[in-house]
C-alpha atoms as a PDB file:
ATOM      1  CA  MET A   1       0.000   0.000   0.000  1.00  0.00           C
ATOM      2  CA  SER A   2       2.937   2.354  -0.611  1.00  0.00           C
ATOM      3  CA  GLU A   3       0.605   4.714  -2.502  1.00  0.00           C
ATOM      4  CA  TYR A   4      -1.066   5.430   0.850  1.00  0.00           C
ATOM      5  CA  ARG A   5       2.175   5.637   2.819  1.00  0.00           C
ATOM      6  CA  ASP A   6       3.489   8.350   0.495  1.00  0.00           C
ATOM      7  CA  ARG A   7       0.381  10.422   1.271  1.00  0.00           C
ATOM      8  CA  VAL A   8       0.555  10.260   5.081  1.00  0.00           C
ATOM      9  CA  GLY A   9       2.828  12.264   7.362  1.00  0.00           C
ATOM     10  CA  LEU A  10       3.198  12.340  11.133  1.00  0.00           C
ATOM     11  CA  SER A  11       3.504  15.373  13.373  1.00  0.00           C
ATOM     12  CA  VAL A  12       6.491  15.223  15.718  1.00  0.00           C
ATOM     13  CA  GLN A  13       6.203  16.551  19.261  1.00  0.00           C
ATOM     14  CA  ALA A  14       9.088  16.343  21.732  1.00  0.00           C
ATOM     15  CA  GLU A  15      10.330  18.057  24.864  1.00  0.00           C
ATOM     16  CA  ASN A  16      13.642  19.083  23.274  1.00  0.00           C
ATOM     17  CA  ALA A  17      15.683  18.774  20.084  1.00  0.00           C
ATOM     18  CA  ALA A  18      17.559  15.651  21.210  1.00  0.00           C
ATOM     19  CA  LYS A  19      14.306  13.783  21.922  1.00  0.00           C
ATOM     20  CA  GLY A  20      12.838  15.071  18.680  1.00  0.00           C
ATOM     21  CA  LEU A  21      15.811  13.795  16.713  1.00  0.00           C
ATOM     22  CA  GLU A  22      15.369  10.348  18.250  1.00  0.00           C
ATOM     23  CA  LYS A  23      11.776  10.337  17.002  1.00  0.00           C
ATOM     24  CA  VAL A  24      12.780  11.382  13.483  1.00  0.00           C
ATOM     25  CA  VAL A  25      15.423   8.652  13.254  1.00  0.00           C
ATOM     26  CA  TYR A  26      13.009   6.062  14.609  1.00  0.00           C
ATOM     27  CA  ALA A  27      10.217   7.067  12.246  1.00  0.00           C
ATOM     28  CA  GLU A  28      12.489   6.693   9.232  1.00  0.00           C
ATOM     29  CA  SER A  29      13.685   3.303  10.476  1.00  0.00           C
ATOM     30  CA  VAL A  30      10.120   1.919  10.440  1.00  0.00           C
ATOM     31  CA  GLY A  31       9.231   3.262   7.007  1.00  0.00           C
ATOM     32  CA  VAL A  32       7.533   6.638   7.629  1.00  0.00           C
ATOM     33  CA  LYS A  33       7.954   8.817   4.535  1.00  0.00           C
ATOM     34  CA  GLN A  34       7.226  12.287   5.941  1.00  0.00           C
ATOM     35  CA  LEU A  35       7.233  14.152   9.245  1.00  0.00           C
ATOM     36  CA  TRP A  36       5.812  17.568  10.085  1.00  0.00           C
ATOM     37  CA  MET A  37       6.739  20.018  12.842  1.00  0.00           C
ATOM     38  CA  THR A  38       4.840  23.028  14.185  1.00  0.00           C
ATOM     39  CA  SER A  39       6.526  26.212  15.363  1.00  0.00           C
ATOM     40  CA  LEU A  40       6.626  24.995  18.970  1.00  0.00           C
ATOM     41  CA  SER A  41       6.438  21.209  18.719  1.00  0.00           C
ATOM     42  CA  ILE A  42      10.117  20.536  19.415  1.00  0.00           C
ATOM     43  CA  GLY A  43      10.365  22.061  22.860  1.00  0.00           C
ATOM     44  CA  GLY A  44      10.093  25.585  21.484  1.00  0.00           C
ATOM     45  CA  CYS A  45      13.187  25.148  19.284  1.00  0.00           C
ATOM     46  CA  ASP A  46      13.508  26.831  15.894  1.00  0.00           C
ATOM     47  CA  THR A  47      11.786  24.472  13.475  1.00  0.00           C
ATOM     48  CA  LEU A  48      13.958  24.982  10.407  1.00  0.00           C
ATOM     49  CA  SER A  49      17.176  24.703  12.423  1.00  0.00           C
ATOM     50  CA  PHE A  50      15.899  21.417  13.822  1.00  0.00           C
ATOM     51  CA  CYS A  51      14.941  20.200  10.344  1.00  0.00           C
ATOM     52  CA  CYS A  52      18.471  20.859   9.072  1.00  0.00           C
ATOM     53  CA  VAL A  53      19.987  18.762  11.852  1.00  0.00           C
ATOM     54  CA  ALA A  54      17.400  16.014  11.351  1.00  0.00           C
ATOM     55  CA  ALA A  55      18.086  15.947   7.604  1.00  0.00           C
ATOM     56  CA  ALA A  56      21.803  15.459   8.238  1.00  0.00           C
ATOM     57  CA  LYS A  57      21.067  12.524  10.564  1.00  0.00           C
ATOM     58  CA  THR A  58      18.686  10.696   8.202  1.00  0.00           C
ATOM     59  CA  GLN A  59      18.730   9.376   4.658  1.00  0.00           C
ATOM     60  CA  ALA A  60      15.475   9.968   2.811  1.00  0.00           C
ATOM     61  CA  ILE A  61      12.583  10.963   5.067  1.00  0.00           C
ATOM     62  CA  LYS A  62      10.881  14.236   4.083  1.00  0.00           C
ATOM     63  CA  LEU A  63      10.473  16.979   6.670  1.00  0.00           C
ATOM     64  CA  GLY A  64       7.837  19.688   6.647  1.00  0.00           C
ATOM     65  CA  THR A  65       7.002  22.802   8.640  1.00  0.00           C
ATOM     66  CA  SER A  66       3.374  23.181   9.632  1.00  0.00           C
ATOM     67  CA  ILE A  67       3.782  26.019   9.982  1.00  0.00           C
ATOM     68  CA  LEU A  68       6.427  28.740  10.070  1.00  0.00           C
ATOM     69  CA  GLN A  69       4.949  31.993  11.389  1.00  0.00           C
ATOM     70  CA  ILE A  70       5.730  34.525   8.679  1.00  0.00           C
ATOM     71  CA  TYR A  71       5.419  37.713  10.743  1.00  0.00           C
ATOM     72  CA  THR A  72       8.359  36.666  12.940  1.00  0.00           C
ATOM     73  CA  ARG A  73      10.975  36.165  10.210  1.00  0.00           C
ATOM     74  CA  HIS A  74      11.838  37.956   7.004  1.00  0.00           C
ATOM     75  CA  PRO A  75      11.236  35.905   3.825  1.00  0.00           C
ATOM     76  CA  LEU A  76      14.906  36.207   2.836  1.00  0.00           C
ATOM     77  CA  VAL A  77      15.931  34.730   6.196  1.00  0.00           C
ATOM     78  CA  THR A  78      13.509  31.862   5.620  1.00  0.00           C
ATOM     79  CA  ALA A  79      14.964  31.405   2.128  1.00  0.00           C
ATOM     80  CA  GLN A  80      18.495  31.260   3.545  1.00  0.00           C
ATOM     81  CA  GLN A  81      17.476  28.615   6.049  1.00  0.00           C
ATOM     82  CA  ALA A  82      15.695  26.593   3.362  1.00  0.00           C
ATOM     83  CA  LEU A  83      18.746  26.880   1.110  1.00  0.00           C
ATOM     84  CA  THR A  84      20.880  25.485   3.933  1.00  0.00           C
ATOM     85  CA  PHE A  85      18.540  22.504   4.178  1.00  0.00           C
ATOM     86  CA  TRP A  86      18.611  22.037   0.382  1.00  0.00           C
ATOM     87  CA  ASP A  87      22.415  21.840   0.411  1.00  0.00           C
ATOM     88  CA  LEU A  88      22.214  19.052   3.001  1.00  0.00           C
ATOM     89  CA  ALA A  89      19.188  17.171   1.667  1.00  0.00           C
ATOM     90  CA  PRO A  90      17.828  18.393  -1.679  1.00  0.00           C
ATOM     91  CA  GLY A  91      14.182  17.580  -2.314  1.00  0.00           C
ATOM     92  CA  ARG A  92      13.360  16.622   1.264  1.00  0.00           C
ATOM     93  CA  LEU A  93      11.854  19.860   2.654  1.00  0.00           C
ATOM     94  CA  ARG A  94       8.284  21.143   2.325  1.00  0.00           C
ATOM     95  CA  LEU A  95       7.960  24.651   3.657  1.00  0.00           C
ATOM     96  CA  GLY A  96       4.565  25.310   5.222  1.00  0.00           C
ATOM     97  CA  ILE A  97       4.026  28.979   6.071  1.00  0.00           C
ATOM     98  CA  GLY A  98       1.181  30.921   7.633  1.00  0.00           C
ATOM     99  CA  THR A  99       0.124  34.097   9.395  1.00  0.00           C
ATOM    100  CA  SER A 100      -0.673  32.553  12.812  1.00  0.00           C
ATOM    101  CA  HIS A 101      -3.172  34.474  14.973  1.00  0.00           C
ATOM    102  CA  ARG A 102      -3.597  37.994  16.273  1.00  0.00           C
ATOM    103  CA  SER A 103      -3.429  36.891  19.913  1.00  0.00           C
ATOM    104  CA  THR A 104      -0.140  35.093  19.252  1.00  0.00           C
ATOM    105  CA  MET A 105       1.511  37.793  17.162  1.00  0.00           C
ATOM    106  CA  GLU A 106       0.358  40.751  19.227  1.00  0.00           C
ATOM    107  CA  GLY A 107       0.224  39.121  22.652  1.00  0.00           C
ATOM    108  CA  ARG A 108       3.436  37.103  22.472  1.00  0.00           C
ATOM    109  CA  PHE A 109       5.620  39.019  20.028  1.00  0.00           C
ATOM    110  CA  GLY A 110       4.137  42.514  20.059  1.00  0.00           C
ATOM    111  CA  ILE A 111       3.779  42.413  16.256  1.00  0.00           C
ATOM    112  CA  SER A 112       0.668  43.832  14.601  1.00  0.00           C
ATOM    113  CA  LEU A 113      -1.183  41.356  12.398  1.00  0.00           C
ATOM    114  CA  VAL A 114      -1.847  43.605   9.386  1.00  0.00           C
ATOM    115  CA  SER A 115      -3.575  42.464   6.154  1.00  0.00           C
ATOM    116  CA  PRO A 116      -2.899  38.740   6.741  1.00  0.00           C
ATOM    117  CA  LEU A 117      -3.734  37.434   3.263  1.00  0.00           C
ATOM    118  CA  GLY A 118      -2.052  40.320   1.487  1.00  0.00           C
ATOM    119  CA  TYR A 119       1.028  39.909   3.650  1.00  0.00           C
ATOM    120  CA  LEU A 120       1.068  36.161   2.968  1.00  0.00           C
ATOM    121  CA  LYS A 121       0.860  36.697  -0.798  1.00  0.00           C
ATOM    122  CA  GLU A 122       3.816  39.086  -0.845  1.00  0.00           C
ATOM    123  CA  TYR A 123       5.825  36.963   1.553  1.00  0.00           C
ATOM    124  CA  ALA A 124       5.316  33.881  -0.590  1.00  0.00           C
ATOM    125  CA  SER A 125       6.221  35.773  -3.750  1.00  0.00           C
ATOM    126  CA  VAL A 126       9.529  36.925  -2.266  1.00  0.00           C
ATOM    127  CA  LEU A 127      10.280  33.527  -0.745  1.00  0.00           C
ATOM    128  CA  ARG A 128       9.467  31.460  -3.810  1.00  0.00           C
ATOM    129  CA  SER A 129      11.337  33.777  -6.202  1.00  0.00           C
ATOM    130  CA  ALA A 130      14.409  33.641  -3.981  1.00  0.00           C
ATOM    131  CA  LEU A 131      14.336  29.858  -3.811  1.00  0.00           C
ATOM    132  CA  TRP A 132      13.106  28.822  -7.262  1.00  0.00           C
ATOM    133  CA  GLU A 133      14.705  31.570  -9.350  1.00  0.00           C
ATOM    134  CA  GLY A 134      17.759  32.331  -7.221  1.00  0.00           C
ATOM    135  CA  LYS A 135      16.961  36.031  -7.230  1.00  0.00           C
ATOM    136  CA  VAL A 136      14.203  38.407  -6.241  1.00  0.00           C
ATOM    137  CA  GLU A 137      13.315  42.003  -7.082  1.00  0.00           C
ATOM    138  CA  HIS A 138      10.151  42.978  -5.240  1.00  0.00           C
ATOM    139  CA  ARG A 139       8.560  46.337  -4.533  1.00  0.00           C
ATOM    140  CA  GLY A 140       5.284  45.903  -2.717  1.00  0.00           C
ATOM    141  CA  LYS A 141       3.224  47.217   0.153  1.00  0.00           C
ATOM    142  CA  HIS A 142       4.877  45.001   2.756  1.00  0.00           C
ATOM    143  CA  PHE A 143       8.295  44.164   1.305  1.00  0.00           C
ATOM    144  CA  LYS A 144      10.920  45.979  -0.746  1.00  0.00           C
ATOM    145  CA  VAL A 145      13.552  43.384  -1.539  1.00  0.00           C
ATOM    146  CA  SER A 146      16.547  42.995  -3.853  1.00  0.00           C
ATOM    147  CA  MET A 147      18.649  39.841  -3.498  1.00  0.00           C
ATOM    148  CA  SER A 148      20.520  37.250  -5.567  1.00  0.00           C
ATOM    149  CA  PHE A 149      21.698  33.805  -4.530  1.00  0.00           C
ATOM    150  CA  THR A 150      24.432  31.732  -6.145  1.00  0.00           C
ATOM    151  CA  ARG A 151      22.090  28.745  -6.605  1.00  0.00           C
ATOM    152  CA  LYS A 152      18.444  27.721  -6.624  1.00  0.00           C
ATOM    153  CA  ALA A 153      16.467  25.465  -4.292  1.00  0.00           C
ATOM    154  CA  GLN A 154      13.146  24.149  -5.538  1.00  0.00           C
ATOM    155  CA  VAL A 155      11.511  23.884  -2.115  1.00  0.00           C
ATOM    156  CA  PRO A 156       7.692  23.599  -2.234  1.00  0.00           C
ATOM    157  CA  VAL A 157       5.954  26.428  -0.374  1.00  0.00           C
ATOM    158  CA  LEU A 158       2.609  25.460   1.169  1.00  0.00           C
ATOM    159  CA  PHE A 159       0.073  27.792   2.810  1.00  0.00           C
ATOM    160  CA  ALA A 160      -1.781  27.242   6.063  1.00  0.00           C
ATOM    161  CA  ALA A 161      -5.483  27.711   5.352  1.00  0.00           C
ATOM    162  CA  LEU A 162      -8.688  27.757   7.409  1.00  0.00           C
ATOM    163  CA  GLY A 163     -11.220  29.981   5.662  1.00  0.00           C
ATOM    164  CA  PRO A 164     -12.543  29.857   2.085  1.00  0.00           C
ATOM    165  CA  ASN A 165     -10.516  32.896   0.982  1.00  0.00           C
ATOM    166  CA  ALA A 166      -7.299  31.352   2.271  1.00  0.00           C
ATOM    167  CA  PHE A 167      -7.997  28.088   0.462  1.00  0.00           C
ATOM    168  CA  ARG A 168      -8.682  30.004  -2.749  1.00  0.00           C
ATOM    169  CA  VAL A 169      -5.389  31.889  -2.450  1.00  0.00           C
ATOM    170  CA  ALA A 170      -3.582  28.619  -1.738  1.00  0.00           C
ATOM    171  CA  GLY A 171      -5.084  27.130  -4.888  1.00  0.00           C
ATOM    172  CA  GLU A 172      -3.944  30.131  -6.886  1.00  0.00           C
ATOM    173  CA  LEU A 173      -0.415  30.661  -5.570  1.00  0.00           C
ATOM    174  CA  SER A 174       0.931  27.865  -3.369  1.00  0.00           C
ATOM    175  CA  ASP A 175       2.426  24.408  -3.796  1.00  0.00           C
ATOM    176  CA  GLY A 176      -0.212  23.051  -1.427  1.00  0.00           C
ATOM    177  CA  ALA A 177      -2.551  23.946   1.433  1.00  0.00           C
ATOM    178  CA  ILE A 178      -2.278  22.703   5.013  1.00  0.00           C
ATOM    179  CA  SER A 179      -5.518  22.607   6.979  1.00  0.00           C
ATOM    180  CA  TRP A 180      -5.740  22.402  10.763  1.00  0.00           C
ATOM    181  CA  MET A 181      -8.683  21.119  12.814  1.00  0.00           C
ATOM    182  CA  CYS A 182     -10.955  21.206   9.752  1.00  0.00           C
ATOM    183  CA  PRO A 183     -13.766  18.609   9.511  1.00  0.00           C
ATOM    184  CA  LYS A 184     -13.654  16.287   6.502  1.00  0.00           C
ATOM    185  CA  GLU A 185     -16.976  17.500   5.086  1.00  0.00           C
ATOM    186  CA  TYR A 186     -15.783  21.110   5.175  1.00  0.00           C
ATOM    187  CA  LEU A 187     -12.584  20.181   3.347  1.00  0.00           C
ATOM    188  CA  LEU A 188     -14.407  18.243   0.634  1.00  0.00           C
ATOM    189  CA  LYS A 189     -17.318  20.657   0.134  1.00  0.00           C
ATOM    190  CA  ARG A 190     -15.692  24.059   0.717  1.00  0.00           C
ATOM    191  CA  ALA A 191     -11.894  23.929   0.880  1.00  0.00           C
ATOM    192  CA  ILE A 192     -11.139  21.836  -2.188  1.00  0.00           C
ATOM    193  CA  PRO A 193     -13.680  23.646  -4.417  1.00  0.00           C
ATOM    194  CA  GLU A 194     -12.161  26.980  -3.354  1.00  0.00           C
ATOM    195  CA  MET A 195      -8.681  25.676  -4.145  1.00  0.00           C
ATOM    196  CA  GLU A 196      -9.929  24.522  -7.542  1.00  0.00           C
ATOM    197  CA  ALA A 197     -11.400  27.968  -8.215  1.00  0.00           C
ATOM    198  CA  GLY A 198      -8.114  29.626  -7.313  1.00  0.00           C
ATOM    199  CA  ALA A 199      -6.207  27.218  -9.519  1.00  0.00           C
ATOM    200  CA  ARG A 200      -8.549  27.879 -12.462  1.00  0.00           C
ATOM    201  CA  HIS A 201      -8.047  31.619 -12.031  1.00  0.00           C
ATOM    202  CA  ALA A 202      -4.291  31.104 -12.236  1.00  0.00           C
ATOM    203  CA  LYS A 203      -4.658  28.601 -15.111  1.00  0.00           C
ATOM    204  CA  ARG A 204      -2.851  25.877 -13.220  1.00  0.00           C
ATOM    205  CA  THR A 205      -3.497  22.457 -11.692  1.00  0.00           C
ATOM    206  CA  ARG A 206      -4.865  22.482  -8.160  1.00  0.00           C
ATOM    207  CA  PRO A 207      -2.074  21.826  -5.663  1.00  0.00           C
ATOM    208  CA  PRO A 208      -2.562  19.150  -2.976  1.00  0.00           C
ATOM    209  CA  LEU A 209      -4.473  19.601   0.259  1.00  0.00           C
ATOM    210  CA  VAL A 210      -2.708  18.264   3.356  1.00  0.00           C
ATOM    211  CA  ALA A 211      -5.391  17.634   5.985  1.00  0.00           C
ATOM    212  CA  HIS A 212      -4.578  17.655   9.695  1.00  0.00           C
ATOM    213  CA  VAL A 213      -6.231  14.797  11.632  1.00  0.00           C
ATOM    214  CA  LEU A 214      -6.161  13.969  15.344  1.00  0.00           C
ATOM    215  CA  VAL A 215      -5.367  10.298  15.932  1.00  0.00           C
ATOM    216  CA  SER A 216      -5.054   7.988  18.917  1.00  0.00           C
ATOM    217  CA  LEU A 217      -4.399   4.283  19.376  1.00  0.00           C
ATOM    218  CA  ASN A 218      -5.773   4.512  22.900  1.00  0.00           C
ATOM    219  CA  GLN A 219      -8.888   2.301  22.999  1.00  0.00           C
ATOM    220  CA  ASP A 220     -10.334   4.064  26.037  1.00  0.00           C
ATOM    221  CA  GLU A 221     -13.062   5.899  24.119  1.00  0.00           C
ATOM    222  CA  LYS A 222     -13.944   8.187  27.017  1.00  0.00           C
ATOM    223  CA  ALA A 223     -10.345   9.334  27.509  1.00  0.00           C
ATOM    224  CA  VAL A 224      -9.917   9.934  23.781  1.00  0.00           C
ATOM    225  CA  HIS A 225     -13.121  11.949  23.521  1.00  0.00           C
ATOM    226  CA  GLU A 226     -12.267  14.058  26.576  1.00  0.00           C
ATOM    227  CA  ALA A 227      -8.852  14.857  25.064  1.00  0.00           C
ATOM    228  CA  ALA A 228     -10.454  15.743  21.722  1.00  0.00           C
ATOM    229  CA  VAL A 229     -13.016  18.025  23.404  1.00  0.00           C
ATOM    230  CA  LYS A 230     -10.194  19.766  25.290  1.00  0.00           C
ATOM    231  CA  THR A 231      -8.336  20.309  22.012  1.00  0.00           C
ATOM    232  CA  VAL A 232     -11.450  21.719  20.306  1.00  0.00           C
ATOM    233  CA  ARG A 233     -11.959  24.162  23.171  1.00  0.00           C
ATOM    234  CA  GLN A 234      -8.327  25.318  22.989  1.00  0.00           C
ATOM    235  CA  TYR A 235      -8.490  26.078  19.282  1.00  0.00           C
ATOM    236  CA  GLY A 236     -12.025  27.395  19.578  1.00  0.00           C
ATOM    237  CA  ALA A 237     -10.740  30.244  21.732  1.00  0.00           C
ATOM    238  CA  LEU A 238      -9.072  31.724  18.621  1.00  0.00           C
ATOM    239  CA  PRO A 239     -11.217  33.838  16.257  1.00  0.00           C
ATOM    240  CA  PHE A 240      -9.872  32.283  13.023  1.00  0.00           C
ATOM    241  CA  TYR A 241     -10.896  28.838  14.271  1.00  0.00           C
ATOM    242  CA  GLN A 242     -14.236  30.070  15.593  1.00  0.00           C
ATOM    243  CA  ASN A 243     -15.022  31.398  12.115  1.00  0.00           C
ATOM    244  CA  MET A 244     -13.928  28.195  10.396  1.00  0.00           C
ATOM    245  CA  PHE A 245     -15.924  25.988  12.775  1.00  0.00           C
ATOM    246  CA  LYS A 246     -19.014  28.130  12.145  1.00  0.00           C
ATOM    247  CA  GLU A 247     -18.425  27.960   8.384  1.00  0.00           C
ATOM    248  CA  ALA A 248     -18.217  24.179   8.738  1.00  0.00           C
ATOM    249  CA  GLY A 249     -21.575  24.073  10.539  1.00  0.00           C
ATOM    250  CA  TYR A 250     -20.416  23.818  14.159  1.00  0.00           C
ATOM    251  CA  ASP A 251     -21.560  26.561  16.521  1.00  0.00           C
ATOM    252  CA  ILE A 252     -19.150  25.838  19.334  1.00  0.00           C
ATOM    253  CA  THR A 253     -21.039  28.095  21.719  1.00  0.00           C
ATOM    254  CA  GLN A 254     -23.341  25.073  21.917  1.00  0.00           C
ATOM    255  CA  GLU A 255     -22.042  22.200  24.051  1.00  0.00           C
ATOM    256  CA  SER A 256     -23.453  19.576  21.719  1.00  0.00           C
ATOM    257  CA  ALA A 257     -21.569  21.083  18.767  1.00  0.00           C
ATOM    258  CA  VAL A 258     -18.268  20.902  20.664  1.00  0.00           C
ATOM    259  CA  HIS A 259     -18.732  17.172  21.212  1.00  0.00           C
ATOM    260  CA  GLU A 260     -19.867  16.544  17.647  1.00  0.00           C
ATOM    261  CA  LEU A 261     -16.862  18.415  16.304  1.00  0.00           C
ATOM    262  CA  ALA A 262     -14.459  16.536  18.575  1.00  0.00           C
ATOM    263  CA  HIS A 263     -15.835  13.260  17.272  1.00  0.00           C
ATOM    264  CA  SER A 264     -15.622  14.439  13.665  1.00  0.00           C
ATOM    265  CA  LEU A 265     -11.964  15.463  13.929  1.00  0.00           C
ATOM    266  CA  THR A 266     -10.623  12.315  15.585  1.00  0.00           C
ATOM    267  CA  ILE A 267      -9.783   8.812  14.425  1.00  0.00           C
ATOM    268  CA  SER A 268      -8.989   6.330  17.167  1.00  0.00           C
ATOM    269  CA  GLY A 269      -9.054   2.718  18.253  1.00  0.00           C
ATOM    270  CA  SER A 270      -7.031  -0.342  17.312  1.00  0.00           C
ATOM    271  CA  GLU A 271      -4.308  -0.313  14.673  1.00  0.00           C
ATOM    272  CA  GLN A 272      -6.672  -1.996  12.231  1.00  0.00           C
ATOM    273  CA  LYS A 273      -9.463   0.517  12.822  1.00  0.00           C
ATOM    274  CA  VAL A 274      -7.148   3.504  12.494  1.00  0.00           C
ATOM    275  CA  ARG A 275      -5.567   2.058   9.347  1.00  0.00           C
ATOM    276  CA  GLU A 276      -8.999   1.605   7.777  1.00  0.00           C
ATOM    277  CA  ARG A 277     -10.034   5.179   8.599  1.00  0.00           C
ATOM    278  CA  ILE A 278      -6.782   6.555   7.130  1.00  0.00           C
ATOM    279  CA  ILE A 279      -7.409   4.677   3.886  1.00  0.00           C
ATOM    280  CA  ASP A 280     -11.054   5.792   3.855  1.00  0.00           C
ATOM    281  CA  LEU A 281     -10.060   9.452   4.116  1.00  0.00           C
ATOM    282  CA  LEU A 282      -7.514   9.130   1.338  1.00  0.00           C
ATOM    283  CA  SER A 283     -10.056   7.330  -0.831  1.00  0.00           C
ATOM    284  CA  GLU A 284     -12.781   9.942  -0.285  1.00  0.00           C
ATOM    285  CA  GLY A 285     -10.919  12.829  -1.910  1.00  0.00           C
ATOM    286  CA  ILE A 286      -8.364  14.054   0.638  1.00  0.00           C
ATOM    287  CA  ASP A 287      -4.940  14.313  -1.034  1.00  0.00           C
ATOM    288  CA  GLU A 288      -2.691  13.860   1.991  1.00  0.00           C
ATOM    289  CA  LEU A 289      -2.992  13.465   5.749  1.00  0.00           C
ATOM    290  CA  LEU A 290      -0.997  15.058   8.541  1.00  0.00           C
ATOM    291  CA  LEU A 291      -1.600  12.862  11.580  1.00  0.00           C
ATOM    292  CA  MET A 292      -1.123  14.370  15.023  1.00  0.00           C
ATOM    293  CA  GLN A 293      -1.151  12.111  18.062  1.00  0.00           C
ATOM    294  CA  LEU A 294      -3.914  13.170  20.424  1.00  0.00           C
ATOM    295  CA  GLN A 295      -2.351  13.568  23.856  1.00  0.00           C
ATOM    296  CA  THR A 296      -4.385  11.329  26.140  1.00  0.00           C
ATOM    297  CA  THR A 297      -1.309  10.314  28.116  1.00  0.00           C
ATOM    298  CA  GLU A 298       2.418  10.950  27.792  1.00  0.00           C
ATOM    299  CA  ASN A 299       2.887   7.636  26.021  1.00  0.00           C
ATOM    300  CA  GLU A 300       5.926   7.346  23.756  1.00  0.00           C
ATOM    301  CA  THR A 301       5.062   3.713  23.079  1.00  0.00           C
ATOM    302  CA  GLU A 302       1.828   4.793  21.408  1.00  0.00           C
ATOM    303  CA  TRP A 303       3.735   7.180  19.119  1.00  0.00           C
ATOM    304  CA  LYS A 304       6.047   4.343  18.091  1.00  0.00           C
ATOM    305  CA  ARG A 305       3.040   2.128  17.357  1.00  0.00           C
ATOM    306  CA  LEU A 306       1.539   4.894  15.269  1.00  0.00           C
ATOM    307  CA  SER A 307       4.855   5.302  13.411  1.00  0.00           C
ATOM    308  CA  GLN A 308       4.928   1.583  12.706  1.00  0.00           C
ATOM    309  CA  LEU A 309       1.350   1.703  11.427  1.00  0.00           C
ATOM    310  CA  VAL A 310       2.105   4.577   9.033  1.00  0.00           C
ATOM    311  CA  GLY A 311       5.365   2.958   7.959  1.00  0.00           C
ATOM    312  CA  CYS A 312       3.499  -0.185   6.905  1.00  0.00           C
ATOM    313  CA  LEU A 313       0.671   1.428   4.937  1.00  0.00           C
END
């Protein structure tokens, strides 16, 4: 079933870079083809720096960022980091970028979140030109950039997307869209059609959708559901997610909707049951999956079992 394995990646979470590296090496050893890391998943370490080290310690596994927060680093800095990775492991990086959230940018970094989609478009234009063309001349509202590199690095640039407009822009400009906490029905009925519309506007083929899914091999259904509900509430505190959940038909001000959404977003149970649900999702129109272990307990054994499952698809 290698056609499925190539379309499934795992999110890595670890308390520090050393523990994270152990997970990357293990995942490759059991056949996992791709791993993803969020901006804080490796003990708060810089994601691209970690990816460079992980690439040097492995042979073929692909590594992806899901996502890099674009307001906190200049696109040329991101391009330099991606170029470093390319020199070590060409073809093995997928660069997921996104705007993050107002509460994060303004509350944590003191950076104003201004014109998110417009900023993302310009950022991606600068970044992709620098990497794919080896040079960039850009005069825009947000960036005025002039830079040449001595070589090119054809690193795919994917966009984080939640709302219809973001999916449309991803279809028009990106090398793929990464969803987060989006129900399957919303992805199939709203996200993908918007991506297709964006792609048609740009006269190009729709890029892939990478769908984030919560997963657990814990067979305690109550514990899994409680963890999923907790996760929904955490994300539901952010306006971008509130809007997306409402667009998807879940009014999370209603308790029943919170529980329905938690159930919709999670696949769990035995290895066989989880494997079947993964294959179902890939067969129903989702291009790729980004599986994130639902934290019911601090159980490294479960993560290894999940790695083995993905590595044998």
